[in-house]
N, C-alpha and C. Protein backbone atom coordinates (compact mmCIF):
# COMPACT_ATOMS: atom_id res chain seq x y z
N UNK A 1 -2.15 18.48 10.84
CA UNK A 1 -2.42 18.01 9.59
C UNK A 1 -2.48 16.76 9.06
N UNK A 2 -3.15 15.89 8.23
CA UNK A 2 -2.99 14.54 7.77
C UNK A 2 -2.19 14.06 6.76
N UNK A 3 -1.04 13.56 7.06
CA UNK A 3 -0.40 12.98 5.51
C UNK A 3 -0.01 11.78 5.61
N UNK A 4 -0.11 11.07 4.47
CA UNK A 4 0.57 9.77 3.78
C UNK A 4 1.55 9.99 2.78
N UNK A 5 2.48 9.71 3.34
CA UNK A 5 3.49 9.95 2.51
C UNK A 5 4.34 8.38 1.80
N UNK A 6 3.99 8.40 0.23
CA UNK A 6 4.26 7.08 0.45
C UNK A 6 5.71 7.04 -0.42
N UNK A 7 6.45 5.80 -0.59
CA UNK A 7 7.94 6.33 -0.86
C UNK A 7 8.18 4.57 -1.25
N UNK A 8 9.03 4.39 -1.98
CA UNK A 8 9.70 3.09 -2.34
C UNK A 8 9.76 2.77 -4.24
N UNK A 9 8.55 3.45 -4.79
CA UNK A 9 8.34 2.68 -6.03
C UNK A 9 9.50 3.01 -6.93
N UNK A 10 8.97 2.30 -8.02
CA UNK A 10 10.53 2.69 -8.97
C UNK A 10 10.24 1.78 -10.11
N UNK A 11 11.25 1.24 -11.14
CA UNK A 11 11.19 0.27 -12.18
C UNK A 11 11.95 -0.82 -11.68
N UNK A 12 11.45 -1.83 -11.96
CA UNK A 12 12.08 -3.10 -11.23
C UNK A 12 11.71 -4.30 -12.42
N UNK A 13 12.54 -5.47 -12.76
CA UNK A 13 12.21 -6.35 -13.66
C UNK A 13 11.31 -7.43 -12.85
N UNK A 14 10.97 -8.06 -14.09
CA UNK A 14 9.56 -9.53 -13.72
C UNK A 14 10.63 -10.12 -12.92
N UNK A 15 9.97 -10.65 -11.60
CA UNK A 15 10.34 -11.66 -10.62
C UNK A 15 11.44 -10.93 -9.50
N UNK A 16 11.27 -9.81 -9.45
CA UNK A 16 11.97 -8.85 -8.90
C UNK A 16 11.35 -8.46 -7.42
N UNK A 17 11.79 -7.39 -6.53
CA UNK A 17 11.07 -7.29 -5.50
C UNK A 17 11.03 -5.77 -4.74
N UNK A 18 9.95 -5.28 -4.35
CA UNK A 18 9.79 -3.80 -3.94
C UNK A 18 9.80 -3.63 -2.68
N UNK A 19 9.91 -3.06 -2.06
CA UNK A 19 8.91 -2.55 -0.25
C UNK A 19 8.55 -1.00 -0.45
N UNK A 20 7.21 -1.12 -0.82
CA UNK A 20 6.68 0.47 -0.67
C UNK A 20 6.50 0.60 0.93
N UNK A 21 6.68 1.94 1.12
CA UNK A 21 6.35 2.30 2.63
C UNK A 21 5.23 3.58 2.79
N UNK A 22 4.81 3.77 3.54
CA UNK A 22 3.66 4.76 3.69
C UNK A 22 3.91 5.74 5.05
N UNK A 23 4.88 6.68 5.23
CA UNK A 23 4.76 7.35 6.75
C UNK A 23 3.26 8.15 7.17
N UNK A 24 2.54 7.52 8.13
CA UNK A 24 1.22 8.64 8.18
C UNK A 24 1.54 9.74 9.15
N UNK A 25 1.07 10.55 9.51
CA UNK A 25 0.93 11.38 10.78
C UNK A 25 -0.71 12.33 10.34
N UNK A 26 -0.62 13.02 11.74
CA UNK A 26 -1.74 13.72 12.43
C UNK A 26 -2.72 12.99 12.06
N UNK A 27 -2.90 11.48 12.68
CA UNK A 27 -4.43 11.38 12.92
C UNK A 27 -3.57 9.84 14.16
N UNK A 28 -4.72 9.34 14.65
CA UNK A 28 -4.16 8.45 15.49
C UNK A 28 -3.84 7.21 15.04
N UNK A 29 -2.78 6.89 14.40
CA UNK A 29 -2.38 5.65 13.68
C UNK A 29 -3.23 4.40 14.02
N UNK A 30 -2.96 4.09 15.98
CA UNK A 30 -3.79 2.80 15.76
C UNK A 30 -5.16 2.44 16.19
N UNK A 31 -5.57 3.49 15.31
CA UNK A 31 -7.18 3.76 15.80
C UNK A 31 -7.20 3.02 14.09
N UNK A 32 -6.91 3.28 13.22
CA UNK A 32 -7.05 3.10 11.41
C UNK A 32 -6.53 1.71 11.04
N UNK A 33 -7.38 1.21 10.39
CA UNK A 33 -6.87 0.40 9.18
C UNK A 33 -6.34 1.12 8.04
N UNK A 34 -5.09 0.18 7.45
CA UNK A 34 -4.53 0.79 6.73
C UNK A 34 -4.42 0.11 5.45
N UNK A 35 -4.24 0.72 4.65
CA UNK A 35 -4.37 -0.29 2.99
C UNK A 35 -3.62 0.18 2.21
N UNK A 36 -3.60 -0.43 1.22
CA UNK A 36 -2.97 -0.30 -0.59
C UNK A 36 -3.86 -0.36 -1.60
N UNK A 37 -3.55 0.43 -1.91
CA UNK A 37 -4.54 0.28 -3.30
C UNK A 37 -3.74 0.69 -4.76
N UNK A 38 -4.06 0.07 -5.87
CA UNK A 38 -3.22 0.34 -7.50
C UNK A 38 -3.86 0.74 -7.91
N UNK A 39 -3.95 1.27 -9.13
CA UNK A 39 -4.75 1.93 -10.11
C UNK A 39 -3.46 2.02 -11.20
N UNK A 40 -4.29 1.46 -12.25
CA UNK A 40 -3.68 1.72 -13.79
C UNK A 40 -3.81 2.34 -14.80
N UNK A 41 -3.73 3.20 -15.63
CA UNK A 41 -4.09 4.07 -16.42
C UNK A 41 -5.58 3.95 -17.23
N UNK A 42 -6.93 4.21 -17.14
CA UNK A 42 -7.69 4.09 -17.60
C UNK A 42 -8.59 2.80 -16.88
N UNK A 43 -7.99 2.32 -15.79
CA UNK A 43 -8.78 1.43 -14.52
C UNK A 43 -9.26 2.35 -13.42
N UNK A 44 -9.60 1.46 -12.71
CA UNK A 44 -10.41 2.10 -11.46
C UNK A 44 -9.17 1.85 -10.55
N UNK A 45 -9.10 1.88 -9.40
CA UNK A 45 -8.28 2.13 -8.11
C UNK A 45 -9.18 0.61 -7.11
N UNK A 46 -7.80 -0.22 -7.29
CA UNK A 46 -8.22 -1.41 -6.99
C UNK A 46 -7.89 -1.68 -5.44
N UNK A 47 -8.31 -2.34 -4.43
CA UNK A 47 -7.79 -2.84 -3.28
C UNK A 47 -6.73 -3.98 -3.44
N UNK A 48 -5.52 -3.65 -3.30
CA UNK A 48 -4.51 -4.50 -2.87
C UNK A 48 -4.13 -5.34 -1.89
N UNK A 49 -4.33 -5.00 -0.27
CA UNK A 49 -4.13 -5.26 0.96
C UNK A 49 -4.56 -4.34 1.99
N UNK A 50 -4.80 -4.80 3.12
CA UNK A 50 -5.09 -4.22 4.05
C UNK A 50 -4.61 -4.94 5.49
N UNK A 51 -4.56 -3.84 6.04
CA UNK A 51 -4.15 -4.37 7.96
C UNK A 51 -4.85 -3.61 8.85
N UNK A 52 -5.46 -4.19 9.57
CA UNK A 52 -6.48 -3.57 10.34
C UNK A 52 -5.97 -3.13 11.81
N UNK A 53 -6.55 -2.41 13.04
CA UNK A 53 -5.88 -2.07 14.01
C UNK A 53 -5.24 -3.07 14.68
N UNK A 54 -5.68 -4.50 14.49
CA UNK A 54 -5.52 -5.72 15.31
C UNK A 54 -4.62 -6.38 14.76
N UNK A 55 -3.99 -6.18 13.48
CA UNK A 55 -3.09 -6.72 12.91
C UNK A 55 -3.34 -7.76 11.66
N UNK A 56 -5.02 -7.84 11.59
CA UNK A 56 -5.10 -8.92 10.65
C UNK A 56 -5.25 -8.19 9.30
N UNK A 57 -4.88 -9.23 8.33
CA UNK A 57 -4.31 -8.55 6.98
C UNK A 57 -5.51 -9.47 6.02
N UNK A 58 -5.79 -8.83 4.91
CA UNK A 58 -5.95 -9.46 3.74
C UNK A 58 -5.59 -8.61 2.31
N UNK A 59 -6.10 -9.72 1.44
CA UNK A 59 -5.04 -9.31 0.30
C UNK A 59 -5.87 -9.75 -0.64
N UNK A 60 -6.16 -8.95 -1.96
CA UNK A 60 -6.34 -9.05 -3.35
C UNK A 60 -5.79 -10.92 -3.61
N UNK A 61 -6.65 -11.48 -4.33
CA UNK A 61 -6.52 -12.67 -5.47
C UNK A 61 -5.17 -12.80 -5.85
N UNK A 62 -4.91 -11.50 -6.68
CA UNK A 62 -4.06 -11.65 -7.54
C UNK A 62 -2.76 -11.50 -6.78
N UNK A 63 -2.33 -10.79 -5.92
CA UNK A 63 -1.26 -10.82 -5.24
C UNK A 63 -0.79 -11.60 -3.48
N UNK A 64 -1.86 -12.41 -3.73
CA UNK A 64 -1.49 -13.33 -2.48
C UNK A 64 -0.64 -14.53 -2.56
N UNK A 65 0.33 -14.28 -1.60
CA UNK A 65 1.77 -15.43 -1.56
C UNK A 65 2.43 -14.50 -2.02
N UNK A 66 2.39 -13.20 -3.06
CA UNK A 66 3.44 -12.46 -2.87
C UNK A 66 4.01 -11.35 -2.60
N UNK A 67 2.64 -10.77 -2.06
CA UNK A 67 2.67 -9.45 -1.23
C UNK A 67 2.47 -9.51 0.03
N UNK A 68 2.96 -8.73 1.14
CA UNK A 68 3.14 -8.89 2.23
C UNK A 68 2.66 -7.32 2.75
N UNK A 69 1.50 -7.11 3.58
CA UNK A 69 1.69 -5.96 4.30
C UNK A 69 1.71 -6.04 5.64
N UNK A 70 2.18 -5.01 6.52
CA UNK A 70 2.55 -5.00 7.69
C UNK A 70 2.87 -3.52 8.00
N UNK A 71 3.06 -3.05 9.58
CA UNK A 71 2.64 -1.66 10.01
C UNK A 71 3.84 -1.97 11.18
N UNK A 72 4.05 -0.27 11.47
CA UNK A 72 4.91 -0.35 12.66
C UNK A 72 4.33 0.54 13.50
N UNK A 73 3.77 0.38 14.55
CA UNK A 73 3.02 1.09 15.13
C UNK A 73 4.16 2.09 15.90
N UNK A 74 4.90 1.65 16.43
CA UNK A 74 6.01 3.03 16.99
C UNK A 74 6.17 3.85 15.75
N UNK A 75 6.65 3.62 14.84
CA UNK A 75 7.16 4.45 13.56
C UNK A 75 5.93 5.58 12.76
N UNK A 76 4.75 4.61 12.85
CA UNK A 76 3.69 4.84 12.42
C UNK A 76 3.99 5.00 10.91
N UNK A 77 4.28 3.65 10.53
CA UNK A 77 4.76 3.44 8.88
C UNK A 77 4.08 2.33 8.51
N UNK A 78 3.35 2.03 7.35
CA UNK A 78 2.51 0.71 6.70
C UNK A 78 3.56 0.26 5.55
N UNK A 79 4.05 -0.84 5.54
CA UNK A 79 4.51 -1.17 4.52
C UNK A 79 3.94 -2.25 3.85
N UNK A 80 4.65 -2.63 2.26
CA UNK A 80 4.01 -3.37 1.15
C UNK A 80 5.12 -4.23 0.91
N UNK A 81 5.59 -5.51 1.14
CA UNK A 81 6.46 -6.01 0.31
C UNK A 81 6.28 -6.74 -0.93
N UNK A 82 6.92 -6.35 -1.75
CA UNK A 82 6.20 -7.28 -3.13
C UNK A 82 7.14 -7.92 -3.78
N UNK A 83 7.00 -9.32 -3.97
CA UNK A 83 8.01 -10.46 -4.49
C UNK A 83 7.40 -10.97 -5.47
N UNK A 84 8.12 -11.33 -6.11
CA UNK A 84 7.83 -12.08 -7.73
C UNK A 84 7.20 -11.42 -8.50
N UNK A 85 7.44 -9.93 -8.89
CA UNK A 85 6.58 -8.49 -9.50
C UNK A 85 6.39 -9.30 -10.86
N UNK A 86 5.09 -9.09 -11.23
CA UNK A 86 5.06 -9.20 -12.74
C UNK A 86 4.66 -8.11 -13.17
N UNK A 87 4.76 -8.04 -14.49
CA UNK A 87 4.33 -6.76 -15.10
C UNK A 87 3.00 -6.36 -15.35
N UNK A 88 2.20 -7.22 -14.73
CA UNK A 88 0.49 -6.56 -14.65
C UNK A 88 0.49 -6.07 -13.00
N UNK A 89 1.67 -6.14 -12.08
CA UNK A 89 1.53 -5.14 -11.00
C UNK A 89 1.92 -3.87 -11.19
N UNK A 90 2.25 -3.40 -12.74
CA UNK A 90 2.72 -1.99 -12.79
C UNK A 90 1.48 -1.25 -12.68
N UNK A 91 1.49 -0.43 -11.61
CA UNK A 91 0.02 0.42 -11.23
C UNK A 91 1.00 1.99 -10.46
N UNK A 92 0.22 2.54 -10.34
CA UNK A 92 0.17 3.76 -9.16
C UNK A 92 0.11 3.06 -7.91
N UNK A 93 0.60 3.19 -7.14
CA UNK A 93 0.20 2.62 -5.61
C UNK A 93 -0.31 3.76 -4.67
N UNK A 94 -1.14 3.46 -3.72
CA UNK A 94 -1.42 4.65 -3.13
C UNK A 94 -2.05 3.84 -1.38
N UNK A 95 -1.30 4.46 -0.54
CA UNK A 95 -1.94 4.40 0.67
C UNK A 95 -2.97 5.23 1.54
N UNK A 96 -4.20 4.00 1.89
CA UNK A 96 -5.20 4.80 2.76
C UNK A 96 -5.15 4.43 3.72
N UNK A 97 -5.68 5.48 4.70
CA UNK A 97 -6.40 5.29 6.07
C UNK A 97 -7.70 5.68 6.54
N UNK A 98 -8.46 4.24 6.69
CA UNK A 98 -9.48 4.48 7.22
C UNK A 98 -9.99 4.13 8.75
N UNK A 99 -10.81 4.89 9.27
CA UNK A 99 -10.54 5.21 10.83
C UNK A 99 -12.09 5.49 11.52
N UNK A 100 -12.16 6.05 12.77
CA UNK A 100 -13.35 5.85 13.24
C UNK A 100 -13.98 7.03 12.05
N UNK A 101 -15.62 6.83 12.33
CA UNK A 101 -16.61 7.92 11.68
C UNK A 101 -16.19 8.06 10.38
N UNK A 102 -15.86 6.76 9.99
CA UNK A 102 -15.49 6.83 8.38
C UNK A 102 -14.17 7.94 8.13
N UNK A 103 -13.29 8.31 8.83
CA UNK A 103 -12.36 9.26 8.36
C UNK A 103 -11.50 8.26 7.25
N UNK A 104 -11.29 8.89 6.20
CA UNK A 104 -10.70 8.16 4.83
C UNK A 104 -9.72 9.32 4.48
N UNK A 105 -8.49 8.68 4.24
CA UNK A 105 -7.34 9.51 3.91
C UNK A 105 -6.33 8.52 2.92
N UNK A 106 -6.12 9.76 1.94
CA UNK A 106 -5.19 9.25 0.73
C UNK A 106 -3.84 9.55 0.59
N UNK A 107 -2.92 8.99 0.56
CA UNK A 107 -1.80 9.66 -0.22
C UNK A 107 -1.44 9.60 -1.28
N UNK A 108 -0.42 10.60 -1.78
CA UNK A 108 -0.42 10.98 -3.47
C UNK A 108 0.07 10.15 -4.36
N UNK A 109 0.41 8.49 -3.96
CA UNK A 109 0.69 7.81 -4.81
C UNK A 109 2.12 7.64 -5.00
N UNK A 110 2.79 6.07 -5.40
CA UNK A 110 3.66 5.99 -5.69
C UNK A 110 3.81 4.82 -6.79
N UNK A 111 4.84 5.49 -7.76
CA UNK A 111 4.61 4.58 -9.20
C UNK A 111 5.21 3.35 -8.77
N UNK A 112 5.18 1.89 -9.55
CA UNK A 112 5.76 0.80 -9.57
C UNK A 112 5.45 0.13 -10.80
N UNK A 113 6.92 0.28 -12.01
CA UNK A 113 6.39 -0.32 -12.93
C UNK A 113 7.44 -1.48 -12.89
N UNK A 114 7.05 -2.26 -13.56
CA UNK A 114 7.43 -3.96 -13.62
C UNK A 114 7.89 -4.25 -15.04
N UNK A 115 9.03 -3.79 -15.45
CA UNK A 115 9.25 -4.33 -16.92
C UNK A 115 10.46 -4.71 -16.76
N UNK A 116 10.86 -5.43 -18.36
CA UNK A 116 12.40 -5.77 -18.58
C UNK A 116 13.22 -4.90 -19.39
């Protein structure tokens, strides 16, 4: 059974930091690209950061220099370290796994709220 379980969301003040975690199980983690998406109320789900099976990373322009995605193959966890958070980063953050034969899995999401 495939599971992606996000954690680490919460309320943080502008300029603060959070690290999100996504614990993966039920599939071959090493063969999948892992991504973080976010969605605000009334908007579409946007790609925030992606890390492929070889460690190559890419980021949305809006988070470059502030967010870092990384993965732990031994623990099968992918992280999103978020620094210098802004109110516009407020959203539900979702973990995604994309692998062979276009298999695509999603977590349930974790809420991040940036507010003073």
